Amino acid sequence: MKQRDLLSVTSILSTLLLALHISQDIVFGFDRAGLNHLVGVAILLVVVCGAVLLRERRSGKVIMLLGGVMAAAMLPLHMRNGMDCARSFSRRAAPCCSSGLCMSSE
């Protein structure tokens, strides 16, 4: 596999995983669904366009680089208030969790 193809596939995969992460936050009640998510959808759209349509150009590589930098910044942003979220989630966890990774409310 060529390097540019690997970069595009990785960028598309990270975009898919981010979309699943946002939808999981909404389903589990960490975040409310609303119009504020349209900004995230626009960012995902730009990253996918950079990976698919502009992958041969310098602008596409810059878009994918910025998407990777933003993805790397997600860990510190999430860990900033991580313990508060874990405590609130353990108090109101759903009794049936299909993934088996959920904390029980007991």
PDB file of N, CA and C in Angstrom:
ATOM      1  N   MET A   1       0.843  -1.172   0.000  1.00  0.00           N
ATOM      2  CA  MET A   1       0.000   0.000   0.000  1.00  0.00           C
ATOM      3  C   MET A   1       0.892   1.241   0.000  1.00  0.00           C
ATOM      4  N   LYS A   2       0.561   2.196  -0.827  1.00  0.00           N
ATOM      5  CA  LYS A   2       1.351   3.410  -0.933  1.00  0.00           C
ATOM      6  C   LYS A   2       1.122   4.307   0.286  1.00  0.00           C
ATOM      7  N   GLN A   3       2.077   5.177   0.537  1.00  0.00           N
ATOM      8  CA  GLN A   3       2.010   6.023   1.717  1.00  0.00           C
ATOM      9  C   GLN A   3       0.814   6.971   1.657  1.00  0.00           C
ATOM     10  N   ARG A   4       0.515   7.525   0.502  1.00  0.00           N
ATOM     11  CA  ARG A   4      -0.616   8.451   0.411  1.00  0.00           C
ATOM     12  C   ARG A   4      -1.943   7.716   0.608  1.00  0.00           C
ATOM     13  N   ASP A   5      -2.001   6.456   0.151  1.00  0.00           N
ATOM     14  CA  ASP A   5      -3.209   5.679   0.378  1.00  0.00           C
ATOM     15  C   ASP A   5      -3.372   5.349   1.858  1.00  0.00           C
ATOM     16  N   LEU A   6      -2.279   5.031   2.518  1.00  0.00           N
ATOM     17  CA  LEU A   6      -2.324   4.718   3.944  1.00  0.00           C
ATOM     18  C   LEU A   6      -2.763   5.941   4.745  1.00  0.00           C
ATOM     19  N   LEU A   7      -2.270   7.110   4.394  1.00  0.00           N
ATOM     20  CA  LEU A   7      -2.662   8.335   5.072  1.00  0.00           C
ATOM     21  C   LEU A   7      -4.141   8.626   4.872  1.00  0.00           C
ATOM     22  N   SER A   8      -4.646   8.424   3.673  1.00  0.00           N
ATOM     23  CA  SER A   8      -6.068   8.657   3.410  1.00  0.00           C
ATOM     24  C   SER A   8      -6.949   7.670   4.164  1.00  0.00           C
ATOM     25  N   VAL A   9      -6.570   6.407   4.144  1.00  0.00           N
ATOM     26  CA  VAL A   9      -7.355   5.381   4.841  1.00  0.00           C
ATOM     27  C   VAL A   9      -7.356   5.639   6.346  1.00  0.00           C
ATOM     28  N   THR A  10      -6.213   6.011   6.896  1.00  0.00           N
ATOM     29  CA  THR A  10      -6.138   6.302   8.316  1.00  0.00           C
ATOM     30  C   THR A  10      -6.970   7.523   8.678  1.00  0.00           C
ATOM     31  N   SER A  11      -6.957   8.529   7.841  1.00  0.00           N
ATOM     32  CA  SER A  11      -7.741   9.728   8.093  1.00  0.00           C
ATOM     33  C   SER A  11      -9.240   9.427   8.040  1.00  0.00           C
ATOM     34  N   ILE A  12      -9.652   8.642   7.073  1.00  0.00           N
ATOM     35  CA  ILE A  12     -11.072   8.271   6.968  1.00  0.00           C
ATOM     36  C   ILE A  12     -11.483   7.397   8.155  1.00  0.00           C
ATOM     37  N   LEU A  13     -10.623   6.481   8.564  1.00  0.00           N
ATOM     38  CA  LEU A  13     -10.922   5.629   9.715  1.00  0.00           C
ATOM     39  C   LEU A  13     -11.040   6.449  10.997  1.00  0.00           C
ATOM     40  N   SER A  14     -10.156   7.412  11.190  1.00  0.00           N
ATOM     41  CA  SER A  14     -10.244   8.243  12.393  1.00  0.00           C
ATOM     42  C   SER A  14     -11.505   9.102  12.369  1.00  0.00           C
ATOM     43  N   THR A  15     -11.922   9.552  11.192  1.00  0.00           N
ATOM     44  CA  THR A  15     -13.163  10.313  11.071  1.00  0.00           C
ATOM     45  C   THR A  15     -14.366   9.452  11.420  1.00  0.00           C
ATOM     46  N   LEU A  16     -14.370   8.219  10.953  1.00  0.00           N
ATOM     47  CA  LEU A  16     -15.456   7.298  11.285  1.00  0.00           C
ATOM     48  C   LEU A  16     -15.508   7.029  12.782  1.00  0.00           C
ATOM     49  N   LEU A  17     -14.357   6.795  13.386  1.00  0.00           N
ATOM     50  CA  LEU A  17     -14.326   6.534  14.826  1.00  0.00           C
ATOM     51  C   LEU A  17     -14.754   7.754  15.628  1.00  0.00           C
ATOM     52  N   LEU A  18     -14.405   8.952  15.176  1.00  0.00           N
ATOM     53  CA  LEU A  18     -14.845  10.158  15.863  1.00  0.00           C
ATOM     54  C   LEU A  18     -16.359  10.331  15.761  1.00  0.00           C
ATOM     55  N   ALA A  19     -16.920  10.042  14.611  1.00  0.00           N
ATOM     56  CA  ALA A  19     -18.379  10.124  14.461  1.00  0.00           C
ATOM     57  C   ALA A  19     -19.074   9.120  15.368  1.00  0.00           C
ATOM     58  N   LEU A  20     -18.522   7.920  15.482  1.00  0.00           N
ATOM     59  CA  LEU A  20     -19.101   6.925  16.397  1.00  0.00           C
ATOM     60  C   LEU A  20     -18.955   7.360  17.850  1.00  0.00           C
ATOM     61  N   HIS A  21     -17.847   7.993  18.190  1.00  0.00           N
ATOM     62  CA  HIS A  21     -17.621   8.467  19.551  1.00  0.00           C
ATOM     63  C   HIS A  21     -18.629   9.552  19.932  1.00  0.00           C
ATOM     64  N   ILE A  22     -18.879  10.478  19.022  1.00  0.00           N
ATOM     65  CA  ILE A  22     -19.840  11.545  19.293  1.00  0.00           C
ATOM     66  C   ILE A  22     -21.243  10.975  19.458  1.00  0.00           C
ATOM     67  N   SER A  23     -21.617  10.048  18.605  1.00  0.00           N
ATOM     68  CA  SER A  23     -22.951   9.454  18.725  1.00  0.00           C
ATOM     69  C   SER A  23     -23.072   8.624  20.004  1.00  0.00           C
ATOM     70  N   GLN A  24     -22.001   7.980  20.433  1.00  0.00           N
ATOM     71  CA  GLN A  24     -22.031   7.223  21.686  1.00  0.00           C
ATOM     72  C   GLN A  24     -22.194   8.164  22.885  1.00  0.00           C
ATOM     73  N   ASP A  25     -21.550   9.317  22.854  1.00  0.00           N
ATOM     74  CA  ASP A  25     -21.725  10.286  23.927  1.00  0.00           C
ATOM     75  C   ASP A  25     -23.170  10.736  24.033  1.00  0.00           C
ATOM     76  N   ILE A  26     -23.824  10.913  22.900  1.00  0.00           N
ATOM     77  CA  ILE A  26     -25.230  11.325  22.906  1.00  0.00           C
ATOM     78  C   ILE A  26     -26.115  10.204  23.438  1.00  0.00           C
ATOM     79  N   VAL A  27     -25.854   8.973  23.007  1.00  0.00           N
ATOM     80  CA  VAL A  27     -26.684   7.839  23.432  1.00  0.00           C
ATOM     81  C   VAL A  27     -26.555   7.588  24.921  1.00  0.00           C
ATOM     82  N   PHE A  28     -25.344   7.659  25.462  1.00  0.00           N
ATOM     83  CA  PHE A  28     -25.129   7.378  26.878  1.00  0.00           C
ATOM     84  C   PHE A  28     -25.432   8.572  27.771  1.00  0.00           C
ATOM     85  N   GLY A  29     -25.780   9.708  27.216  1.00  0.00           N
ATOM     86  CA  GLY A  29     -26.197  10.844  28.011  1.00  0.00           C
ATOM     87  C   GLY A  29     -25.085  11.752  28.471  1.00  0.00           C
ATOM     88  N   PHE A  30     -23.878  11.610  27.957  1.00  0.00           N
ATOM     89  CA  PHE A  30     -22.798  12.526  28.311  1.00  0.00           C
ATOM     90  C   PHE A  30     -23.001  13.885  27.660  1.00  0.00           C
ATOM     91  N   ASP A  31     -23.687  13.909  26.540  1.00  0.00           N
ATOM     92  CA  ASP A  31     -23.902  15.141  25.796  1.00  0.00           C
ATOM     93  C   ASP A  31     -25.317  15.114  25.235  1.00  0.00           C
ATOM     94  N   ARG A  32     -25.880  16.281  25.038  1.00  0.00           N
ATOM     95  CA  ARG A  32     -27.218  16.373  24.462  1.00  0.00           C
ATOM     96  C   ARG A  32     -27.111  16.574  22.952  1.00  0.00           C
ATOM     97  N   ALA A  33     -28.055  16.008  22.257  1.00  0.00           N
ATOM     98  CA  ALA A  33     -28.100  16.214  20.805  1.00  0.00           C
ATOM     99  C   ALA A  33     -28.632  17.618  20.535  1.00  0.00           C
ATOM    100  N   GLY A  34     -28.065  18.263  19.556  1.00  0.00           N
ATOM    101  CA  GLY A  34     -28.515  19.611  19.235  1.00  0.00           C
ATOM    102  C   GLY A  34     -27.762  20.190  18.061  1.00  0.00           C
ATOM    103  N   LEU A  35     -28.012  21.458  17.840  1.00  0.00           N
ATOM    104  CA  LEU A  35     -27.389  22.138  16.713  1.00  0.00           C
ATOM    105  C   LEU A  35     -25.902  22.378  16.917  1.00  0.00           C
ATOM    106  N   ASN A  36     -25.417  22.289  18.167  1.00  0.00           N
ATOM    107  CA  ASN A  36     -23.994  22.507  18.403  1.00  0.00           C
ATOM    108  C   ASN A  36     -23.132  21.414  17.771  1.00  0.00           C
ATOM    109  N   HIS A  37     -23.706  20.299  17.424  1.00  0.00           N
ATOM    110  CA  HIS A  37     -22.951  19.220  16.793  1.00  0.00           C
ATOM    111  C   HIS A  37     -22.739  19.452  15.297  1.00  0.00           C
ATOM    112  N   LEU A  38     -23.407  20.449  14.739  1.00  0.00           N
ATOM    113  CA  LEU A  38     -23.210  20.747  13.314  1.00  0.00           C
ATOM    114  C   LEU A  38     -21.796  21.255  13.034  1.00  0.00           C
ATOM    115  N   VAL A  39     -21.170  21.895  14.015  1.00  0.00           N
ATOM    116  CA  VAL A  39     -19.790  22.331  13.846  1.00  0.00           C
ATOM    117  C   VAL A  39     -18.885  21.106  13.718  1.00  0.00           C
ATOM    118  N   GLY A  40     -19.111  20.103  14.560  1.00  0.00           N
ATOM    119  CA  GLY A  40     -18.339  18.869  14.474  1.00  0.00           C
ATOM    120  C   GLY A  40     -18.561  18.141  13.166  1.00  0.00           C
ATOM    121  N   VAL A  41     -19.786  18.143  12.693  1.00  0.00           N
ATOM    122  CA  VAL A  41     -20.090  17.503  11.411  1.00  0.00           C
ATOM    123  C   VAL A  41     -19.382  18.240  10.273  1.00  0.00           C
ATOM    124  N   ALA A  42     -19.317  19.563  10.352  1.00  0.00           N
ATOM    125  CA  ALA A  42     -18.610  20.334   9.324  1.00  0.00           C
ATOM    126  C   ALA A  42     -17.107  20.026   9.347  1.00  0.00           C
ATOM    127  N   ILE A  43     -16.533  19.887  10.545  1.00  0.00           N
ATOM    128  CA  ILE A  43     -15.116  19.540  10.645  1.00  0.00           C
ATOM    129  C   ILE A  43     -14.866  18.146  10.077  1.00  0.00           C
ATOM    130  N   LEU A  44     -15.739  17.199  10.397  1.00  0.00           N
ATOM    131  CA  LEU A  44     -15.602  15.850   9.843  1.00  0.00           C
ATOM    132  C   LEU A  44     -15.704  15.864   8.333  1.00  0.00           C
ATOM    133  N   LEU A  45     -16.592  16.670   7.801  1.00  0.00           N
ATOM    134  CA  LEU A  45     -16.754  16.769   6.351  1.00  0.00           C
ATOM    135  C   LEU A  45     -15.495  17.334   5.695  1.00  0.00           C
ATOM    136  N   VAL A  46     -14.885  18.330   6.304  1.00  0.00           N
ATOM    137  CA  VAL A  46     -13.663  18.915   5.746  1.00  0.00           C
ATOM    138  C   VAL A  46     -12.528  17.891   5.768  1.00  0.00           C
ATOM    139  N   VAL A  47     -12.405  17.142   6.861  1.00  0.00           N
ATOM    140  CA  VAL A  47     -11.338  16.136   6.950  1.00  0.00           C
ATOM    141  C   VAL A  47     -11.548  15.029   5.918  1.00  0.00           C
ATOM    142  N   VAL A  48     -12.784  14.598   5.735  1.00  0.00           N
ATOM    143  CA  VAL A  48     -13.056  13.565   4.726  1.00  0.00           C
ATOM    144  C   VAL A  48     -12.790  14.093   3.321  1.00  0.00           C
ATOM    145  N   CYS A  49     -13.172  15.339   3.047  1.00  0.00           N
ATOM    146  CA  CYS A  49     -12.873  15.924   1.728  1.00  0.00           C
ATOM    147  C   CYS A  49     -11.379  16.030   1.504  1.00  0.00           C
ATOM    148  N   GLY A  50     -10.634  16.377   2.553  1.00  0.00           N
ATOM    149  CA  GLY A  50      -9.186  16.431   2.412  1.00  0.00           C
ATOM    150  C   GLY A  50      -8.587  15.072   2.150  1.00  0.00           C
ATOM    151  N   ALA A  51      -9.151  14.034   2.775  1.00  0.00           N
ATOM    152  CA  ALA A  51      -8.617  12.684   2.604  1.00  0.00           C
ATOM    153  C   ALA A  51      -9.014  12.054   1.275  1.00  0.00           C
ATOM    154  N   VAL A  52     -10.187  12.387   0.781  1.00  0.00           N
ATOM    155  CA  VAL A  52     -10.679  11.722  -0.426  1.00  0.00           C
ATOM    156  C   VAL A  52     -10.445  12.558  -1.686  1.00  0.00           C
ATOM    157  N   LEU A  53     -10.842  13.807  -1.651  1.00  0.00           N
ATOM    158  CA  LEU A  53     -10.792  14.624  -2.858  1.00  0.00           C
ATOM    159  C   LEU A  53      -9.445  15.309  -3.078  1.00  0.00           C
ATOM    160  N   LEU A  54      -8.769  15.666  -1.987  1.00  0.00           N
ATOM    161  CA  LEU A  54      -7.551  16.468  -2.116  1.00  0.00           C
ATOM    162  C   LEU A  54      -6.303  15.727  -1.653  1.00  0.00           C
ATOM    163  N   ARG A  55      -6.313  14.419  -1.679  1.00  0.00           N
ATOM    164  CA  ARG A  55      -5.202  13.670  -1.090  1.00  0.00           C
ATOM    165  C   ARG A  55      -3.894  13.820  -1.857  1.00  0.00           C
ATOM    166  N   GLU A  56      -3.941  14.166  -3.117  1.00  0.00           N
ATOM    167  CA  GLU A  56      -2.730  14.347  -3.914  1.00  0.00           C
ATOM    168  C   GLU A  56      -2.148  15.748  -3.772  1.00  0.00           C
ATOM    169  N   ARG A  57      -2.949  16.684  -3.297  1.00  0.00           N
ATOM    170  CA  ARG A  57      -2.509  18.076  -3.229  1.00  0.00           C
ATOM    171  C   ARG A  57      -1.952  18.405  -1.843  1.00  0.00           C
ATOM    172  N   ARG A  58      -1.214  19.483  -1.810  1.00  0.00           N
ATOM    173  CA  ARG A  58      -0.647  19.930  -0.537  1.00  0.00           C
ATOM    174  C   ARG A  58      -1.744  20.349   0.431  1.00  0.00           C
ATOM    175  N   SER A  59      -2.813  20.960  -0.059  1.00  0.00           N
ATOM    176  CA  SER A  59      -3.905  21.389   0.815  1.00  0.00           C
ATOM    177  C   SER A  59      -4.575  20.193   1.492  1.00  0.00           C
ATOM    178  N   GLY A  60      -4.692  19.083   0.786  1.00  0.00           N
ATOM    179  CA  GLY A  60      -5.261  17.884   1.391  1.00  0.00           C
ATOM    180  C   GLY A  60      -4.381  17.329   2.491  1.00  0.00           C
ATOM    181  N   LYS A  61      -3.078  17.382   2.274  1.00  0.00           N
ATOM    182  CA  LYS A  61      -2.150  16.902   3.302  1.00  0.00           C
ATOM    183  C   LYS A  61      -2.170  17.806   4.524  1.00  0.00           C
ATOM    184  N   VAL A  62      -2.314  19.113   4.310  1.00  0.00           N
ATOM    185  CA  VAL A  62      -2.414  20.044   5.434  1.00  0.00           C
ATOM    186  C   VAL A  62      -3.699  19.803   6.208  1.00  0.00           C
ATOM    187  N   ILE A  63      -4.798  19.561   5.504  1.00  0.00           N
ATOM    188  CA  ILE A  63      -6.077  19.279   6.164  1.00  0.00           C
ATOM    189  C   ILE A  63      -5.964  18.000   6.992  1.00  0.00           C
ATOM    190  N   MET A  64      -5.343  16.965   6.437  1.00  0.00           N
ATOM    191  CA  MET A  64      -5.188  15.722   7.186  1.00  0.00           C
ATOM    192  C   MET A  64      -4.246  15.900   8.375  1.00  0.00           C
ATOM    193  N   LEU A  65      -3.224  16.735   8.221  1.00  0.00           N
ATOM    194  CA  LEU A  65      -2.318  17.015   9.333  1.00  0.00           C
ATOM    195  C   LEU A  65      -3.050  17.732  10.458  1.00  0.00           C
ATOM    196  N   LEU A  66      -3.844  18.744  10.119  1.00  0.00           N
ATOM    197  CA  LEU A  66      -4.609  19.462  11.136  1.00  0.00           C
ATOM    198  C   LEU A  66      -5.641  18.555  11.801  1.00  0.00           C
ATOM    199  N   GLY A  67      -6.241  17.660  11.035  1.00  0.00           N
ATOM    200  CA  GLY A  67      -7.169  16.700  11.620  1.00  0.00           C
ATOM    201  C   GLY A  67      -6.471  15.769  12.602  1.00  0.00           C
ATOM    202  N   GLY A  68      -5.262  15.357  12.280  1.00  0.00           N
ATOM    203  CA  GLY A  68      -4.496  14.513  13.193  1.00  0.00           C
ATOM    204  C   GLY A  68      -4.077  15.240  14.450  1.00  0.00           C
ATOM    205  N   VAL A  69      -3.699  16.513  14.307  1.00  0.00           N
ATOM    206  CA  VAL A  69      -3.333  17.307  15.480  1.00  0.00           C
ATOM    207  C   VAL A  69      -4.542  17.509  16.389  1.00  0.00           C
ATOM    208  N   MET A  70      -5.701  17.773  15.797  1.00  0.00           N
ATOM    209  CA  MET A  70      -6.921  17.919  16.608  1.00  0.00           C
ATOM    210  C   MET A  70      -7.278  16.607  17.292  1.00  0.00           C
ATOM    211  N   ALA A  71      -7.081  15.503  16.599  1.00  0.00           N
ATOM    212  CA  ALA A  71      -7.371  14.200  17.214  1.00  0.00           C
ATOM    213  C   ALA A  71      -6.421  13.918  18.370  1.00  0.00           C
ATOM    214  N   ALA A  72      -5.158  14.327  18.233  1.00  0.00           N
ATOM    215  CA  ALA A  72      -4.197  14.131  19.319  1.00  0.00           C
ATOM    216  C   ALA A  72      -4.519  15.018  20.515  1.00  0.00           C
ATOM    217  N   ALA A  73      -5.162  16.150  20.283  1.00  0.00           N
ATOM    218  CA  ALA A  73      -5.529  17.052  21.374  1.00  0.00           C
ATOM    219  C   ALA A  73      -6.770  16.594  22.126  1.00  0.00           C
ATOM    220  N   MET A  74      -7.464  15.592  21.626  1.00  0.00           N
ATOM    221  CA  MET A  74      -8.682  15.142  22.285  1.00  0.00           C
ATOM    222  C   MET A  74      -8.415  14.473  23.637  1.00  0.00           C
ATOM    223  N   LEU A  75      -7.326  13.766  23.766  1.00  0.00           N
ATOM    224  CA  LEU A  75      -7.041  13.086  25.027  1.00  0.00           C
ATOM    225  C   LEU A  75      -6.906  14.066  26.195  1.00  0.00           C
ATOM    226  N   PRO A  76      -6.085  15.111  26.099  1.00  0.00           N
ATOM    227  CA  PRO A  76      -6.036  16.049  27.235  1.00  0.00           C
ATOM    228  C   PRO A  76      -7.360  16.761  27.487  1.00  0.00           C
ATOM    229  N   LEU A  77      -8.108  17.047  26.417  1.00  0.00           N
ATOM    230  CA  LEU A  77      -9.399  17.705  26.610  1.00  0.00           C
ATOM    231  C   LEU A  77     -10.391  16.805  27.326  1.00  0.00           C
ATOM    232  N   HIS A  78     -10.385  15.522  27.006  1.00  0.00           N
ATOM    233  CA  HIS A  78     -11.295  14.595  27.658  1.00  0.00           C
ATOM    234  C   HIS A  78     -10.855  14.270  29.087  1.00  0.00           C
ATOM    235  N   MET A  79      -9.572  14.217  29.321  1.00  0.00           N
ATOM    236  CA  MET A  79      -9.090  13.850  30.646  1.00  0.00           C
ATOM    237  C   MET A  79      -9.175  15.002  31.641  1.00  0.00           C
ATOM    238  N   ARG A  80      -9.422  16.195  31.172  1.00  0.00           N
ATOM    239  CA  ARG A  80      -9.509  17.352  32.052  1.00  0.00           C
ATOM    240  C   ARG A  80     -10.625  17.188  33.075  1.00  0.00           C
ATOM    241  N   ASN A  81     -11.771  16.728  32.640  1.00  0.00           N
ATOM    242  CA  ASN A  81     -12.911  16.508  33.529  1.00  0.00           C
ATOM    243  C   ASN A  81     -13.317  15.044  33.542  1.00  0.00           C
ATOM    244  N   GLY A  82     -12.380  14.164  33.342  1.00  0.00           N
ATOM    245  CA  GLY A  82     -12.695  12.746  33.213  1.00  0.00           C
ATOM    246  C   GLY A  82     -13.267  12.109  34.466  1.00  0.00           C
ATOM    247  N   MET A  83     -12.745  12.459  35.618  1.00  0.00           N
ATOM    248  CA  MET A  83     -13.227  11.827  36.851  1.00  0.00           C
ATOM    249  C   MET A  83     -14.653  12.248  37.169  1.00  0.00           C
ATOM    250  N   ASP A  84     -15.011  13.506  36.900  1.00  0.00           N
ATOM    251  CA  ASP A  84     -16.381  13.948  37.135  1.00  0.00           C
ATOM    252  C   ASP A  84     -17.353  13.201  36.248  1.00  0.00           C
ATOM    253  N   CYS A  85     -16.982  12.984  35.000  1.00  0.00           N
ATOM    254  CA  CYS A  85     -17.851  12.260  34.070  1.00  0.00           C
ATOM    255  C   CYS A  85     -17.995  10.799  34.496  1.00  0.00           C
ATOM    256  N   ALA A  86     -16.905  10.182  34.942  1.00  0.00           N
ATOM    257  CA  ALA A  86     -16.967   8.787  35.356  1.00  0.00           C
ATOM    258  C   ALA A  86     -17.853   8.624  36.585  1.00  0.00           C
ATOM    259  N   ARG A  87     -17.783   9.553  37.517  1.00  0.00           N
ATOM    260  CA  ARG A  87     -18.627   9.471  38.710  1.00  0.00           C
ATOM    261  C   ARG A  87     -20.096   9.657  38.360  1.00  0.00           C
ATOM    262  N   SER A  88     -20.396  10.640  37.510  1.00  0.00           N
ATOM    263  CA  SER A  88     -21.792  10.861  37.151  1.00  0.00           C
ATOM    264  C   SER A  88     -22.336   9.711  36.320  1.00  0.00           C
ATOM    265  N   PHE A  89     -21.478   9.098  35.492  1.00  0.00           N
ATOM    266  CA  PHE A  89     -21.928   7.967  34.684  1.00  0.00           C
ATOM    267  C   PHE A  89     -22.189   6.754  35.555  1.00  0.00           C
ATOM    268  N   SER A  90     -21.365   6.530  36.586  1.00  0.00           N
ATOM    269  CA  SER A  90     -21.556   5.349  37.434  1.00  0.00           C
ATOM    270  C   SER A  90     -22.824   5.466  38.260  1.00  0.00           C
ATOM    271  N   ARG A  91     -23.270   6.682  38.543  1.00  0.00           N
ATOM    272  CA  ARG A  91     -24.514   6.865  39.294  1.00  0.00           C
ATOM    273  C   ARG A  91     -25.745   6.586  38.451  1.00  0.00           C
ATOM    274  N   ARG A  92     -25.665   6.826  37.163  1.00  0.00           N
ATOM    275  CA  ARG A  92     -26.859   6.667  36.320  1.00  0.00           C
ATOM    276  C   ARG A  92     -26.618   5.738  35.141  1.00  0.00           C
ATOM    277  N   ALA A  93     -25.804   4.737  35.344  1.00  0.00           N
ATOM    278  CA  ALA A  93     -25.477   3.811  34.259  1.00  0.00           C
ATOM    279  C   ALA A  93     -26.698   2.962  33.902  1.00  0.00           C
ATOM    280  N   ALA A  94     -26.784   2.636  32.642  1.00  0.00           N
ATOM    281  CA  ALA A  94     -27.889   1.803  32.166  1.00  0.00           C
ATOM    282  C   ALA A  94     -27.685   0.371  32.632  1.00  0.00           C
ATOM    283  N   PRO A  95     -28.750  -0.312  33.086  1.00  0.00           N
ATOM    284  CA  PRO A  95     -28.591  -1.689  33.562  1.00  0.00           C
ATOM    285  C   PRO A  95     -28.238  -2.677  32.462  1.00  0.00           C
ATOM    286  N   CYS A  96     -28.629  -2.379  31.241  1.00  0.00           N
ATOM    287  CA  CYS A  96     -28.281  -3.293  30.155  1.00  0.00           C
ATOM    288  C   CYS A  96     -27.309  -2.596  29.214  1.00  0.00           C
ATOM    289  N   CYS A  97     -26.103  -3.046  29.232  1.00  0.00           N
ATOM    290  CA  CYS A  97     -25.068  -2.468  28.372  1.00  0.00           C
ATOM    291  C   CYS A  97     -24.543  -3.587  27.486  1.00  0.00           C
ATOM    292  N   SER A  98     -24.700  -3.446  26.195  1.00  0.00           N
ATOM    293  CA  SER A  98     -24.336  -4.528  25.292  1.00  0.00           C
ATOM    294  C   SER A  98     -22.827  -4.691  25.140  1.00  0.00           C
ATOM    295  N   SER A  99     -22.054  -3.626  25.406  1.00  0.00           N
ATOM    296  CA  SER A  99     -20.618  -3.730  25.192  1.00  0.00           C
ATOM    297  C   SER A  99     -19.903  -4.432  26.338  1.00  0.00           C
ATOM    298  N   GLY A 100     -20.502  -4.451  27.527  1.00  0.00           N
ATOM    299  CA  GLY A 100     -19.863  -5.091  28.667  1.00  0.00           C
ATOM    300  C   GLY A 100     -18.790  -4.212  29.286  1.00  0.00           C
ATOM    301  N   LEU A 101     -18.579  -3.005  28.775  1.00  0.00           N
ATOM    302  CA  LEU A 101     -17.565  -2.108  29.310  1.00  0.00           C
ATOM    303  C   LEU A 101     -18.150  -1.054  30.238  1.00  0.00           C
ATOM    304  N   CYS A 102     -19.441  -1.054  30.401  1.00  0.00           N
ATOM    305  CA  CYS A 102     -20.080  -0.033  31.228  1.00  0.00           C
ATOM    306  C   CYS A 102     -19.906  -0.354  32.711  1.00  0.00           C
ATOM    307  N   MET A 103     -19.833   0.695  33.513  1.00  0.00           N
ATOM    308  CA  MET A 103     -19.775   0.507  34.950  1.00  0.00           C
ATOM    309  C   MET A 103     -21.175   0.202  35.464  1.00  0.00           C
ATOM    310  N   SER A 104     -21.271  -0.644  36.451  1.00  0.00           N
ATOM    311  CA  SER A 104     -22.581  -0.943  37.009  1.00  0.00           C
ATOM    312  C   SER A 104     -22.963   0.126  38.012  1.00  0.00           C
ATOM    313  N   SER A 105     -24.242   0.321  38.251  1.00  0.00           N
ATOM    314  CA  SER A 105     -24.719   1.352  39.169  1.00  0.00           C
ATOM    315  C   SER A 105     -24.797   0.830  40.589  1.00  0.00           C
ATOM    316  N   GLU A 106     -24.311  -0.339  40.858  1.00  0.00           N
ATOM    317  CA  GLU A 106     -24.392  -0.911  42.202  1.00  0.00           C
ATOM    318  C   GLU A 106     -23.194  -0.540  43.026  1.00  0.00           C
TER     319      GLU A 106
END
